């Protein structure tokens, strides 16, 4: 394959001056050096909120594992993007990652990375359809399940699988109560069971608070897929 990405490190493939905006029509594609934004509805990037998109040609290290060596950054987080993001890559930036991939999104506010498994079957593209609930400060791609159970283990409590599609397991603590909140802080459910059925919940990011019998709390960021 021919190299797709010749941009210098720490470049800015998109800059929007203050007071200006860029409108992406529904179904249209904005391609920024290999990152494609395809909104479900008309989406506006404005100079008041997202003035620059940066590109750094070096890897992030997540759970002691390096991602691909192309990381996009948003000066102000994309907080309401609903639609498809496609991350294109070539051999030159794979950095030892195979084609079993996922997108990784960083949220500055919570200082956490989240993993979104590839939804297409093609090599050299990583695709995920977002529902508008995921804040995005950085975006890159890497190996599937890089954020393993170790990322969801705290004070003897393990929460898995994460991301989760149906049943969430909580181990390591007896007589616990769990409270799950959505991305805007609303209580979605409470349970004192070690398994929680999340089938009815929409895709997105949730916060799980696990409380022991002494009211000590441990928080986990949960991705429902």
N, C-alpha and C. Protein backbone atom coordinates (compact mmCIF):
# COMPACT_ATOMS: atom_id res chain seq x y z
N UNK A 1 0.84 -1.20 0.00
CA UNK A 1 0.00 0.00 0.00
C UNK A 1 0.87 1.25 0.00
N UNK A 2 0.38 2.31 -0.61
CA UNK A 2 1.09 3.58 -0.57
C UNK A 2 0.82 4.27 0.76
N UNK A 3 1.79 4.99 1.31
CA UNK A 3 1.55 5.73 2.56
C UNK A 3 0.43 6.74 2.39
N UNK A 4 -0.46 6.76 3.37
CA UNK A 4 -1.59 7.67 3.32
C UNK A 4 -1.31 8.98 4.03
N UNK A 5 -0.36 8.97 4.97
CA UNK A 5 -0.26 10.09 5.89
C UNK A 5 1.15 10.64 5.88
N UNK A 6 1.29 11.83 5.31
CA UNK A 6 2.60 12.46 5.19
C UNK A 6 2.68 13.73 6.03
N UNK A 7 1.68 13.95 6.88
CA UNK A 7 1.63 15.17 7.66
C UNK A 7 2.69 15.16 8.75
N UNK A 8 3.31 16.31 9.00
CA UNK A 8 4.34 16.41 10.04
C UNK A 8 3.72 16.22 11.42
N UNK A 9 4.56 15.80 12.36
CA UNK A 9 4.11 15.62 13.73
C UNK A 9 3.62 16.95 14.31
N UNK A 10 2.56 16.85 15.15
CA UNK A 10 1.98 18.03 15.80
C UNK A 10 1.53 19.06 14.77
N UNK A 11 0.82 18.60 13.76
CA UNK A 11 0.24 19.48 12.75
C UNK A 11 -1.23 19.73 13.08
N UNK A 12 -1.84 20.62 12.31
CA UNK A 12 -3.24 21.00 12.56
C UNK A 12 -4.01 20.90 11.25
N UNK A 13 -4.59 19.72 10.97
CA UNK A 13 -5.30 19.55 9.71
C UNK A 13 -6.57 20.38 9.58
N UNK A 14 -7.08 20.90 10.70
CA UNK A 14 -8.26 21.75 10.62
C UNK A 14 -8.14 22.87 11.65
N UNK A 15 -8.30 24.11 11.18
CA UNK A 15 -8.35 25.27 12.07
C UNK A 15 -9.55 26.11 11.67
N UNK A 16 -10.39 26.45 12.65
CA UNK A 16 -11.55 27.30 12.42
C UNK A 16 -11.37 28.58 13.22
N UNK A 17 -11.33 29.69 12.55
CA UNK A 17 -11.11 30.97 13.22
C UNK A 17 -12.30 31.31 14.10
N UNK A 18 -12.02 32.06 15.17
CA UNK A 18 -13.07 32.46 16.10
C UNK A 18 -14.20 33.18 15.38
N UNK A 19 -15.42 32.79 15.67
CA UNK A 19 -16.59 33.40 15.06
C UNK A 19 -17.03 32.74 13.77
N UNK A 20 -16.20 31.83 13.24
CA UNK A 20 -16.56 31.11 12.02
C UNK A 20 -17.01 29.69 12.36
N UNK A 21 -17.53 28.99 11.38
CA UNK A 21 -18.00 27.63 11.61
C UNK A 21 -17.88 26.81 10.35
N UNK A 22 -17.89 25.50 10.53
CA UNK A 22 -17.87 24.55 9.42
C UNK A 22 -19.05 23.61 9.63
N UNK A 23 -19.93 23.54 8.64
CA UNK A 23 -21.12 22.71 8.73
C UNK A 23 -20.92 21.44 7.91
N UNK A 24 -21.13 20.28 8.56
CA UNK A 24 -21.09 18.99 7.87
C UNK A 24 -22.53 18.54 7.70
N UNK A 25 -22.99 18.41 6.48
CA UNK A 25 -24.36 18.02 6.23
C UNK A 25 -24.59 16.56 6.61
N UNK A 26 -25.85 16.21 6.89
CA UNK A 26 -26.20 14.84 7.22
C UNK A 26 -25.75 13.90 6.11
N UNK A 27 -24.99 12.87 6.50
CA UNK A 27 -24.52 11.88 5.54
C UNK A 27 -23.28 12.28 4.77
N UNK A 28 -22.88 13.55 4.86
CA UNK A 28 -21.64 13.99 4.20
C UNK A 28 -20.43 13.53 5.02
N UNK A 29 -19.24 13.63 4.42
CA UNK A 29 -18.02 13.17 5.08
C UNK A 29 -17.00 14.30 5.13
N UNK A 30 -16.49 14.56 6.34
CA UNK A 30 -15.35 15.45 6.50
C UNK A 30 -14.14 14.57 6.79
N UNK A 31 -13.17 14.57 5.86
CA UNK A 31 -11.98 13.73 6.00
C UNK A 31 -10.80 14.61 6.38
N UNK A 32 -10.28 14.41 7.59
CA UNK A 32 -9.13 15.18 8.08
C UNK A 32 -7.93 14.26 8.19
N UNK A 33 -7.17 14.15 7.11
CA UNK A 33 -5.94 13.35 7.07
C UNK A 33 -6.21 11.93 7.55
N UNK A 34 -7.30 11.36 7.10
CA UNK A 34 -7.57 9.96 7.42
C UNK A 34 -8.58 9.72 8.51
N UNK A 35 -9.03 10.75 9.22
CA UNK A 35 -10.13 10.60 10.17
C UNK A 35 -11.39 11.17 9.52
N UNK A 36 -12.40 10.33 9.33
CA UNK A 36 -13.63 10.75 8.67
C UNK A 36 -14.75 10.93 9.70
N UNK A 37 -15.40 12.09 9.65
CA UNK A 37 -16.60 12.34 10.45
C UNK A 37 -17.80 12.31 9.52
N UNK A 38 -18.77 11.43 9.82
CA UNK A 38 -19.96 11.27 9.00
C UNK A 38 -21.17 11.40 9.92
N UNK A 39 -21.72 12.60 10.09
CA UNK A 39 -22.77 12.80 11.09
C UNK A 39 -24.12 12.22 10.67
N UNK A 40 -24.91 11.81 11.67
CA UNK A 40 -26.27 11.33 11.42
C UNK A 40 -27.21 12.48 11.08
N UNK A 41 -26.89 13.67 11.56
CA UNK A 41 -27.66 14.88 11.27
C UNK A 41 -26.66 16.01 11.07
N UNK A 42 -27.12 17.13 10.54
CA UNK A 42 -26.21 18.25 10.30
C UNK A 42 -25.43 18.58 11.58
N UNK A 43 -24.12 18.69 11.43
CA UNK A 43 -23.25 18.92 12.60
C UNK A 43 -22.38 20.14 12.32
N UNK A 44 -22.25 21.00 13.33
CA UNK A 44 -21.50 22.24 13.17
C UNK A 44 -20.26 22.27 14.06
N UNK A 45 -19.12 22.52 13.45
CA UNK A 45 -17.88 22.79 14.17
C UNK A 45 -17.68 24.30 14.13
N UNK A 46 -17.60 24.92 15.29
CA UNK A 46 -17.49 26.38 15.33
C UNK A 46 -16.18 26.81 15.95
N UNK A 47 -15.75 28.02 15.60
CA UNK A 47 -14.53 28.58 16.17
C UNK A 47 -14.66 28.91 17.64
N UNK A 48 -15.87 28.93 18.16
CA UNK A 48 -16.07 29.21 19.58
C UNK A 48 -15.81 27.98 20.44
N UNK A 49 -15.98 26.76 19.86
CA UNK A 49 -15.88 25.55 20.67
C UNK A 49 -14.81 24.59 20.19
N UNK A 50 -14.57 24.48 18.92
CA UNK A 50 -13.57 23.55 18.40
C UNK A 50 -12.73 24.28 17.37
N UNK A 51 -11.76 25.05 17.82
CA UNK A 51 -11.02 25.91 16.91
C UNK A 51 -9.93 25.18 16.15
N UNK A 52 -9.40 24.07 16.73
CA UNK A 52 -8.35 23.34 16.04
C UNK A 52 -8.49 21.84 16.28
N UNK A 53 -8.17 21.09 15.23
CA UNK A 53 -8.00 19.65 15.35
C UNK A 53 -6.53 19.37 15.08
N UNK A 54 -5.86 18.71 16.01
CA UNK A 54 -4.43 18.44 15.88
C UNK A 54 -4.19 16.99 15.48
N UNK A 55 -3.02 16.76 14.92
CA UNK A 55 -2.57 15.41 14.57
C UNK A 55 -1.15 15.23 15.07
N UNK A 56 -0.96 14.21 15.89
CA UNK A 56 0.37 13.88 16.41
C UNK A 56 0.74 12.49 15.92
N UNK A 57 1.89 12.37 15.26
CA UNK A 57 2.33 11.09 14.71
C UNK A 57 3.19 10.33 15.71
N UNK A 58 2.64 10.11 16.89
CA UNK A 58 3.27 9.28 17.91
C UNK A 58 2.17 8.56 18.66
N UNK A 59 2.52 7.44 19.28
CA UNK A 59 1.52 6.58 19.92
C UNK A 59 1.18 7.04 21.33
N UNK A 60 0.00 6.66 21.79
CA UNK A 60 -0.37 6.73 23.19
C UNK A 60 -0.09 5.37 23.82
N UNK A 61 0.20 5.35 25.12
CA UNK A 61 0.39 4.09 25.83
C UNK A 61 -0.78 3.86 26.76
N UNK A 62 -1.54 2.81 26.49
CA UNK A 62 -2.73 2.46 27.27
C UNK A 62 -2.54 1.08 27.87
N UNK A 63 -2.62 1.02 29.19
CA UNK A 63 -2.47 -0.27 29.88
C UNK A 63 -1.18 -0.98 29.46
N UNK A 64 -0.08 -0.18 29.37
CA UNK A 64 1.25 -0.67 29.01
C UNK A 64 1.34 -1.17 27.57
N UNK A 65 0.40 -0.77 26.72
CA UNK A 65 0.41 -1.17 25.32
C UNK A 65 0.28 0.07 24.45
N UNK A 66 1.12 0.17 23.42
CA UNK A 66 1.08 1.33 22.55
C UNK A 66 0.00 1.20 21.48
N UNK A 67 -0.63 2.33 21.16
CA UNK A 67 -1.61 2.40 20.09
C UNK A 67 -0.89 2.59 18.76
N UNK A 68 -1.66 2.76 17.70
CA UNK A 68 -1.09 3.18 16.43
C UNK A 68 -0.52 4.58 16.57
N UNK A 69 0.42 4.90 15.71
CA UNK A 69 1.15 6.17 15.87
C UNK A 69 0.49 7.29 15.07
N UNK A 70 -0.78 7.50 15.34
CA UNK A 70 -1.52 8.64 14.79
C UNK A 70 -2.64 8.97 15.78
N UNK A 71 -2.54 10.14 16.40
CA UNK A 71 -3.50 10.54 17.44
C UNK A 71 -4.07 11.90 17.06
N UNK A 72 -5.39 11.96 16.99
CA UNK A 72 -6.09 13.22 16.73
C UNK A 72 -6.50 13.85 18.05
N UNK A 73 -6.40 15.17 18.13
CA UNK A 73 -6.81 15.89 19.33
C UNK A 73 -7.78 17.00 18.99
N UNK A 74 -8.76 17.20 19.87
CA UNK A 74 -9.73 18.29 19.70
C UNK A 74 -9.48 19.32 20.79
N UNK A 75 -9.22 20.56 20.37
CA UNK A 75 -8.90 21.61 21.34
C UNK A 75 -10.01 21.75 22.39
N UNK A 76 -11.24 21.69 21.94
CA UNK A 76 -12.39 21.58 22.83
C UNK A 76 -13.08 20.27 22.48
N UNK A 77 -13.43 19.47 23.48
CA UNK A 77 -13.96 18.14 23.24
C UNK A 77 -15.22 18.17 22.39
N UNK A 78 -15.33 17.21 21.48
CA UNK A 78 -16.59 16.98 20.79
C UNK A 78 -17.51 16.26 21.78
N UNK A 79 -18.58 16.90 22.16
CA UNK A 79 -19.42 16.33 23.21
C UNK A 79 -20.76 15.82 22.71
N UNK A 80 -21.14 16.17 21.50
CA UNK A 80 -22.48 15.80 21.02
C UNK A 80 -22.44 15.17 19.64
N UNK A 81 -21.30 14.63 19.22
CA UNK A 81 -21.24 14.08 17.87
C UNK A 81 -21.98 12.75 17.79
N UNK A 82 -22.99 12.70 16.93
CA UNK A 82 -23.74 11.47 16.69
C UNK A 82 -23.54 11.09 15.23
N UNK A 83 -22.95 9.95 15.01
CA UNK A 83 -22.66 9.51 13.65
C UNK A 83 -21.47 8.58 13.62
N UNK A 84 -20.93 8.39 12.46
CA UNK A 84 -19.85 7.42 12.26
C UNK A 84 -18.50 8.13 12.17
N UNK A 85 -17.52 7.55 12.85
CA UNK A 85 -16.14 7.99 12.71
C UNK A 85 -15.35 6.83 12.12
N UNK A 86 -14.59 7.12 11.07
CA UNK A 86 -13.73 6.13 10.44
C UNK A 86 -12.28 6.58 10.58
N UNK A 87 -11.45 5.72 11.13
CA UNK A 87 -10.02 5.98 11.30
C UNK A 87 -9.30 5.13 10.25
N UNK A 88 -8.68 5.79 9.27
CA UNK A 88 -7.94 5.10 8.23
C UNK A 88 -6.46 4.98 8.62
N UNK A 89 -5.86 3.86 8.32
CA UNK A 89 -4.44 3.67 8.67
C UNK A 89 -3.74 2.88 7.58
N UNK A 90 -2.42 2.92 7.60
CA UNK A 90 -1.62 2.11 6.70
C UNK A 90 -0.54 1.40 7.50
N UNK A 91 0.27 0.60 6.81
CA UNK A 91 1.29 -0.20 7.49
C UNK A 91 2.27 0.66 8.27
N UNK A 92 2.54 1.87 7.77
CA UNK A 92 3.58 2.72 8.36
C UNK A 92 3.25 3.17 9.78
N UNK A 93 1.96 3.23 10.14
CA UNK A 93 1.60 3.74 11.46
C UNK A 93 1.06 2.66 12.39
N UNK A 94 1.07 1.38 11.95
CA UNK A 94 0.44 0.33 12.76
C UNK A 94 1.16 0.08 14.08
N UNK A 95 2.46 0.30 14.11
CA UNK A 95 3.21 0.26 15.37
C UNK A 95 3.06 -1.07 16.10
N UNK A 96 3.06 -2.16 15.34
CA UNK A 96 2.96 -3.49 15.94
C UNK A 96 1.54 -3.96 16.21
N UNK A 97 0.54 -3.10 15.95
CA UNK A 97 -0.86 -3.48 16.15
C UNK A 97 -1.32 -4.30 14.94
N UNK A 98 -2.11 -5.37 15.19
CA UNK A 98 -2.65 -6.13 14.06
C UNK A 98 -3.98 -5.52 13.62
N UNK A 99 -4.69 -6.22 12.73
CA UNK A 99 -5.93 -5.66 12.19
C UNK A 99 -7.16 -5.95 13.06
N UNK A 100 -6.96 -6.57 14.20
CA UNK A 100 -8.06 -6.78 15.15
C UNK A 100 -8.08 -5.56 16.06
N UNK A 101 -8.88 -4.55 15.71
CA UNK A 101 -8.68 -3.21 16.24
C UNK A 101 -9.90 -2.63 16.94
N UNK A 102 -9.67 -1.48 17.55
CA UNK A 102 -10.73 -0.69 18.19
C UNK A 102 -10.33 0.77 18.14
N UNK A 103 -11.33 1.64 18.24
CA UNK A 103 -11.07 3.06 18.45
C UNK A 103 -10.92 3.32 19.93
N UNK A 104 -10.04 4.28 20.27
CA UNK A 104 -9.86 4.69 21.65
C UNK A 104 -10.10 6.19 21.75
N UNK A 105 -10.96 6.58 22.67
CA UNK A 105 -11.36 7.96 22.84
C UNK A 105 -11.00 8.42 24.25
N UNK A 106 -10.35 9.58 24.33
CA UNK A 106 -9.96 10.15 25.62
C UNK A 106 -10.87 11.30 25.98
N UNK A 107 -11.32 11.31 27.24
CA UNK A 107 -12.16 12.38 27.77
C UNK A 107 -11.34 13.18 28.77
N UNK A 108 -11.03 14.44 28.43
CA UNK A 108 -10.21 15.29 29.31
C UNK A 108 -10.85 15.48 30.68
N UNK A 109 -12.18 15.62 30.71
CA UNK A 109 -12.86 15.95 31.96
C UNK A 109 -12.72 14.84 32.99
N UNK A 110 -12.84 13.59 32.55
CA UNK A 110 -12.72 12.46 33.48
C UNK A 110 -11.34 11.84 33.47
N UNK A 111 -10.46 12.30 32.56
CA UNK A 111 -9.08 11.78 32.42
C UNK A 111 -9.08 10.28 32.19
N UNK A 112 -9.97 9.81 31.32
CA UNK A 112 -10.08 8.37 31.05
C UNK A 112 -10.16 8.09 29.56
N UNK A 113 -9.62 6.92 29.18
CA UNK A 113 -9.75 6.39 27.83
C UNK A 113 -10.89 5.38 27.81
N UNK A 114 -11.61 5.33 26.70
CA UNK A 114 -12.64 4.32 26.49
C UNK A 114 -12.39 3.62 25.16
N UNK A 115 -12.77 2.34 25.10
CA UNK A 115 -12.52 1.51 23.92
C UNK A 115 -13.83 1.23 23.18
N UNK A 116 -13.78 1.35 21.84
CA UNK A 116 -14.95 1.14 21.00
C UNK A 116 -14.56 0.17 19.88
N UNK A 117 -15.00 -1.09 19.94
CA UNK A 117 -14.55 -2.11 18.99
C UNK A 117 -14.95 -1.80 17.56
N UNK A 118 -14.08 -2.15 16.62
CA UNK A 118 -14.28 -1.89 15.20
C UNK A 118 -15.59 -2.54 14.74
N UNK A 119 -16.41 -1.79 13.99
CA UNK A 119 -17.68 -2.29 13.50
C UNK A 119 -17.66 -2.65 12.02
N UNK A 120 -16.50 -2.52 11.37
CA UNK A 120 -16.43 -2.97 9.98
C UNK A 120 -15.53 -4.19 9.88
N UNK A 121 -15.54 -4.83 8.72
CA UNK A 121 -14.75 -6.07 8.55
C UNK A 121 -13.53 -5.84 7.67
N UNK A 122 -13.29 -4.60 7.28
CA UNK A 122 -12.17 -4.30 6.39
C UNK A 122 -10.90 -4.02 7.18
N UNK A 123 -9.76 -4.43 6.62
CA UNK A 123 -8.47 -4.01 7.15
C UNK A 123 -8.20 -2.57 6.74
N UNK A 124 -7.38 -1.89 7.51
CA UNK A 124 -6.93 -0.52 7.26
C UNK A 124 -8.02 0.54 7.49
N UNK A 125 -9.13 0.16 8.07
CA UNK A 125 -10.11 1.13 8.57
C UNK A 125 -10.66 0.63 9.89
N UNK A 126 -10.90 1.56 10.82
CA UNK A 126 -11.55 1.25 12.09
C UNK A 126 -12.78 2.15 12.18
N UNK A 127 -13.95 1.56 12.35
CA UNK A 127 -15.21 2.28 12.24
C UNK A 127 -16.05 2.08 13.49
N UNK A 128 -16.68 3.17 13.94
CA UNK A 128 -17.64 3.05 15.05
C UNK A 128 -18.72 4.12 14.89
N UNK A 129 -19.96 3.75 15.20
CA UNK A 129 -21.07 4.68 15.15
C UNK A 129 -21.38 5.17 16.56
N UNK A 130 -21.18 6.47 16.80
CA UNK A 130 -21.37 7.06 18.13
C UNK A 130 -22.77 7.65 18.24
N UNK A 131 -23.28 7.67 19.49
CA UNK A 131 -24.66 8.11 19.70
C UNK A 131 -24.78 9.52 20.26
N UNK A 132 -23.67 10.25 20.34
CA UNK A 132 -23.71 11.63 20.83
C UNK A 132 -23.46 11.78 22.31
N UNK A 133 -23.23 10.66 23.02
CA UNK A 133 -23.06 10.72 24.48
C UNK A 133 -21.60 10.64 24.91
N UNK A 134 -20.67 10.52 23.96
CA UNK A 134 -19.27 10.29 24.30
C UNK A 134 -18.45 11.56 24.07
N UNK A 135 -17.91 12.18 25.12
CA UNK A 135 -17.03 13.34 24.93
C UNK A 135 -15.70 12.89 24.33
N UNK A 136 -15.22 13.61 23.34
CA UNK A 136 -13.99 13.22 22.64
C UNK A 136 -12.97 14.36 22.71
N UNK A 137 -11.88 14.14 23.43
CA UNK A 137 -10.77 15.09 23.47
C UNK A 137 -9.60 14.60 22.61
N UNK A 138 -9.43 13.28 22.54
CA UNK A 138 -8.44 12.66 21.65
C UNK A 138 -9.06 11.41 21.05
N UNK A 139 -8.52 11.02 19.90
CA UNK A 139 -8.99 9.80 19.25
C UNK A 139 -7.83 9.12 18.56
N UNK A 140 -7.72 7.80 18.75
CA UNK A 140 -6.71 7.01 18.06
C UNK A 140 -7.24 5.60 17.89
N UNK A 141 -6.41 4.69 17.41
CA UNK A 141 -6.80 3.30 17.24
C UNK A 141 -5.70 2.40 17.76
N UNK A 142 -6.09 1.18 18.14
CA UNK A 142 -5.12 0.22 18.66
C UNK A 142 -5.72 -1.16 18.70
N UNK A 143 -5.06 -2.06 19.40
CA UNK A 143 -5.50 -3.44 19.47
C UNK A 143 -6.76 -3.61 20.29
N UNK A 144 -7.64 -4.49 19.83
CA UNK A 144 -8.88 -4.79 20.54
C UNK A 144 -8.57 -5.33 21.94
N UNK A 145 -9.35 -4.91 22.92
CA UNK A 145 -9.23 -5.33 24.32
C UNK A 145 -7.94 -4.84 24.97
N UNK A 146 -7.38 -3.75 24.45
CA UNK A 146 -6.23 -3.14 25.12
C UNK A 146 -6.60 -2.69 26.51
N UNK A 147 -7.80 -2.15 26.68
CA UNK A 147 -8.29 -1.79 28.02
C UNK A 147 -8.94 -3.04 28.61
N UNK A 148 -8.11 -3.90 29.18
CA UNK A 148 -8.57 -5.19 29.71
C UNK A 148 -9.18 -5.01 31.08
N UNK A 149 -9.47 -6.13 31.73
CA UNK A 149 -10.09 -6.09 33.05
C UNK A 149 -9.24 -5.34 34.07
N UNK A 150 -7.91 -5.28 33.84
CA UNK A 150 -7.06 -4.56 34.78
C UNK A 150 -7.45 -3.09 34.88
N UNK A 151 -8.01 -2.52 33.79
CA UNK A 151 -8.44 -1.14 33.82
C UNK A 151 -9.71 -0.96 34.65
N UNK A 152 -10.36 -2.08 35.01
CA UNK A 152 -11.64 -2.02 35.69
C UNK A 152 -11.56 -2.74 37.03
N UNK A 153 -10.39 -2.64 37.66
CA UNK A 153 -10.12 -3.32 38.91
C UNK A 153 -9.64 -2.30 39.93
N UNK A 154 -10.32 -2.20 41.05
CA UNK A 154 -9.95 -1.19 42.03
C UNK A 154 -10.30 -1.68 43.42
N UNK A 155 -9.34 -1.61 44.35
CA UNK A 155 -9.57 -1.96 45.75
C UNK A 155 -10.20 -3.35 45.90
N UNK A 156 -9.72 -4.30 45.07
CA UNK A 156 -10.21 -5.67 45.16
C UNK A 156 -11.51 -5.92 44.44
N UNK A 157 -12.10 -4.91 43.83
CA UNK A 157 -13.36 -5.07 43.11
C UNK A 157 -13.07 -5.14 41.61
N UNK A 158 -13.62 -6.15 40.95
CA UNK A 158 -13.48 -6.29 39.51
C UNK A 158 -14.84 -6.11 38.85
N UNK A 159 -14.87 -5.33 37.77
CA UNK A 159 -16.09 -5.10 37.00
C UNK A 159 -15.80 -5.51 35.56
N UNK A 160 -16.56 -6.45 35.02
CA UNK A 160 -16.28 -6.97 33.68
C UNK A 160 -17.53 -7.60 33.08
N UNK A 161 -17.61 -7.75 31.74
CA UNK A 161 -16.69 -7.17 30.75
C UNK A 161 -16.94 -5.67 30.61
N UNK A 162 -15.96 -4.97 30.10
CA UNK A 162 -16.09 -3.53 29.88
C UNK A 162 -15.23 -3.15 28.68
N UNK A 163 -15.82 -2.86 27.54
CA UNK A 163 -17.22 -2.58 27.25
C UNK A 163 -18.12 -3.79 27.47
N UNK A 164 -19.42 -3.53 27.70
CA UNK A 164 -20.39 -4.57 27.98
C UNK A 164 -21.59 -4.41 27.05
N UNK A 165 -22.13 -5.53 26.60
CA UNK A 165 -23.30 -5.48 25.73
C UNK A 165 -24.56 -5.95 26.44
N UNK A 166 -24.41 -6.82 27.47
CA UNK A 166 -25.60 -7.35 28.12
C UNK A 166 -25.45 -7.42 29.64
N UNK A 167 -24.68 -8.38 30.13
CA UNK A 167 -24.58 -8.60 31.58
C UNK A 167 -23.24 -8.11 32.11
N UNK A 168 -23.30 -7.28 33.15
CA UNK A 168 -22.11 -6.75 33.82
C UNK A 168 -21.90 -7.52 35.12
N UNK A 169 -20.68 -8.00 35.34
CA UNK A 169 -20.34 -8.77 36.54
C UNK A 169 -19.54 -7.92 37.51
N UNK A 170 -19.85 -8.06 38.79
CA UNK A 170 -19.13 -7.35 39.85
C UNK A 170 -18.66 -8.39 40.85
N UNK A 171 -17.35 -8.50 41.04
CA UNK A 171 -16.81 -9.50 41.96
C UNK A 171 -15.85 -8.85 42.96
N UNK A 172 -15.57 -9.59 44.04
CA UNK A 172 -14.58 -9.14 45.01
C UNK A 172 -15.16 -8.43 46.21
N UNK A 173 -16.47 -8.30 46.28
CA UNK A 173 -17.07 -7.55 47.39
C UNK A 173 -18.43 -8.16 47.73
N UNK A 174 -18.62 -8.49 49.00
CA UNK A 174 -19.90 -9.01 49.45
C UNK A 174 -20.75 -7.88 50.02
N UNK A 175 -22.06 -8.09 49.97
CA UNK A 175 -23.01 -7.12 50.54
C UNK A 175 -22.82 -5.72 49.97
N UNK A 176 -22.69 -5.66 48.67
CA UNK A 176 -22.49 -4.36 48.02
C UNK A 176 -23.78 -3.88 47.36
N UNK A 177 -23.84 -2.57 47.14
CA UNK A 177 -24.93 -1.96 46.39
C UNK A 177 -24.33 -1.17 45.25
N UNK A 178 -24.89 -1.31 44.06
CA UNK A 178 -24.37 -0.64 42.88
C UNK A 178 -25.38 0.35 42.35
N UNK A 179 -24.90 1.53 41.96
CA UNK A 179 -25.73 2.56 41.37
C UNK A 179 -25.12 2.94 40.02
N UNK A 180 -25.94 2.96 38.98
CA UNK A 180 -25.47 3.28 37.64
C UNK A 180 -26.08 4.60 37.18
N UNK A 181 -25.21 5.52 36.72
CA UNK A 181 -25.65 6.85 36.28
C UNK A 181 -25.30 7.04 34.81
N UNK A 182 -26.14 7.77 34.09
CA UNK A 182 -25.84 8.04 32.69
C UNK A 182 -24.91 9.25 32.57
N UNK A 183 -24.63 9.67 31.34
CA UNK A 183 -23.61 10.70 31.10
C UNK A 183 -24.03 12.08 31.58
N UNK A 184 -25.31 12.29 31.89
CA UNK A 184 -25.76 13.58 32.41
C UNK A 184 -26.12 13.50 33.89
N UNK A 185 -25.67 12.42 34.56
CA UNK A 185 -25.81 12.32 36.00
C UNK A 185 -27.13 11.77 36.51
N UNK A 186 -27.97 11.24 35.63
CA UNK A 186 -29.24 10.67 36.07
C UNK A 186 -29.05 9.23 36.53
N UNK A 187 -29.68 8.88 37.66
CA UNK A 187 -29.62 7.51 38.16
C UNK A 187 -30.43 6.62 37.22
N UNK A 188 -29.78 5.59 36.67
CA UNK A 188 -30.44 4.69 35.72
C UNK A 188 -30.97 3.45 36.42
N UNK A 189 -30.17 2.89 37.36
CA UNK A 189 -30.61 1.72 38.10
C UNK A 189 -29.77 1.55 39.35
N UNK A 190 -30.31 0.80 40.31
CA UNK A 190 -29.60 0.40 41.53
C UNK A 190 -29.80 -1.09 41.72
N UNK A 191 -28.79 -1.75 42.26
CA UNK A 191 -28.87 -3.19 42.42
C UNK A 191 -27.95 -3.64 43.55
N UNK A 192 -28.33 -4.72 44.23
CA UNK A 192 -27.44 -5.34 45.22
C UNK A 192 -26.99 -6.72 44.75
N UNK A 193 -27.11 -6.97 43.45
CA UNK A 193 -26.71 -8.25 42.87
C UNK A 193 -25.30 -8.18 42.31
N UNK A 194 -24.66 -9.33 42.12
CA UNK A 194 -23.31 -9.36 41.55
C UNK A 194 -23.33 -9.38 40.03
N UNK A 195 -24.50 -9.55 39.44
CA UNK A 195 -24.65 -9.44 37.99
C UNK A 195 -25.79 -8.45 37.71
N UNK A 196 -25.57 -7.58 36.72
CA UNK A 196 -26.56 -6.57 36.38
C UNK A 196 -26.88 -6.67 34.90
N UNK A 197 -28.17 -6.76 34.58
CA UNK A 197 -28.62 -6.86 33.20
C UNK A 197 -28.72 -5.45 32.60
N UNK A 198 -27.90 -5.19 31.58
CA UNK A 198 -27.89 -3.87 30.94
C UNK A 198 -28.48 -3.89 29.54
N UNK A 199 -29.16 -4.97 29.19
CA UNK A 199 -29.68 -5.12 27.83
C UNK A 199 -30.57 -3.97 27.40
N UNK A 200 -31.36 -3.44 28.31
CA UNK A 200 -32.34 -2.42 27.93
C UNK A 200 -31.73 -1.03 27.80
N UNK A 201 -30.49 -0.86 28.21
CA UNK A 201 -29.88 0.47 28.18
C UNK A 201 -29.36 0.82 26.80
N UNK A 202 -29.38 2.10 26.48
CA UNK A 202 -28.82 2.60 25.23
C UNK A 202 -27.30 2.51 25.26
N UNK A 203 -26.69 2.48 24.07
CA UNK A 203 -25.24 2.53 24.01
C UNK A 203 -24.75 3.86 24.54
N UNK A 204 -23.58 3.83 25.16
CA UNK A 204 -23.01 5.07 25.67
C UNK A 204 -22.15 4.83 26.89
N UNK A 205 -21.74 5.92 27.52
CA UNK A 205 -20.86 5.88 28.69
C UNK A 205 -21.69 6.07 29.96
N UNK A 206 -21.43 5.24 30.95
CA UNK A 206 -22.13 5.30 32.24
C UNK A 206 -21.10 5.29 33.37
N UNK A 207 -21.50 5.76 34.52
CA UNK A 207 -20.67 5.71 35.72
C UNK A 207 -21.31 4.75 36.72
N UNK A 208 -20.56 3.73 37.12
CA UNK A 208 -21.03 2.77 38.11
C UNK A 208 -20.37 3.08 39.45
N UNK A 209 -21.18 3.25 40.47
CA UNK A 209 -20.68 3.45 41.83
C UNK A 209 -21.00 2.21 42.65
N UNK A 210 -19.97 1.54 43.13
CA UNK A 210 -20.14 0.33 43.95
C UNK A 210 -19.88 0.72 45.40
N UNK A 211 -20.85 0.45 46.25
CA UNK A 211 -20.79 0.87 47.66
C UNK A 211 -20.80 -0.36 48.56
N UNK A 212 -19.84 -0.43 49.51
CA UNK A 212 -19.82 -1.57 50.43
C UNK A 212 -20.72 -1.29 51.63
N UNK A 213 -20.77 -2.24 52.56
CA UNK A 213 -21.69 -2.12 53.70
C UNK A 213 -21.32 -0.99 54.65
N UNK A 214 -20.08 -0.48 54.53
CA UNK A 214 -19.66 0.67 55.35
C UNK A 214 -19.79 1.99 54.61
N UNK A 215 -20.48 1.95 53.46
CA UNK A 215 -20.74 3.13 52.64
C UNK A 215 -19.49 3.66 51.93
N UNK A 216 -18.42 2.86 51.86
CA UNK A 216 -17.26 3.24 51.06
C UNK A 216 -17.60 3.03 49.58
N UNK A 217 -17.22 3.97 48.74
CA UNK A 217 -17.62 3.92 47.34
C UNK A 217 -16.41 3.81 46.40
N UNK A 218 -16.59 3.06 45.33
CA UNK A 218 -15.60 2.95 44.27
C UNK A 218 -16.30 3.18 42.94
N UNK A 219 -15.71 4.04 42.10
CA UNK A 219 -16.34 4.41 40.83
C UNK A 219 -15.69 3.71 39.66
N UNK A 220 -16.51 3.35 38.66
CA UNK A 220 -16.03 2.74 37.43
C UNK A 220 -16.73 3.39 36.25
N UNK A 221 -15.98 3.64 35.19
CA UNK A 221 -16.56 4.14 33.95
C UNK A 221 -16.92 2.94 33.09
N UNK A 222 -18.19 2.84 32.70
CA UNK A 222 -18.69 1.67 31.96
C UNK A 222 -19.11 2.10 30.56
N UNK A 223 -18.69 1.33 29.57
CA UNK A 223 -19.11 1.56 28.19
C UNK A 223 -20.13 0.51 27.80
N UNK A 224 -21.36 0.95 27.52
CA UNK A 224 -22.40 0.04 27.03
C UNK A 224 -22.37 0.07 25.50
N UNK A 225 -22.19 -1.09 24.89
CA UNK A 225 -22.11 -1.14 23.41
C UNK A 225 -23.32 -1.83 22.83
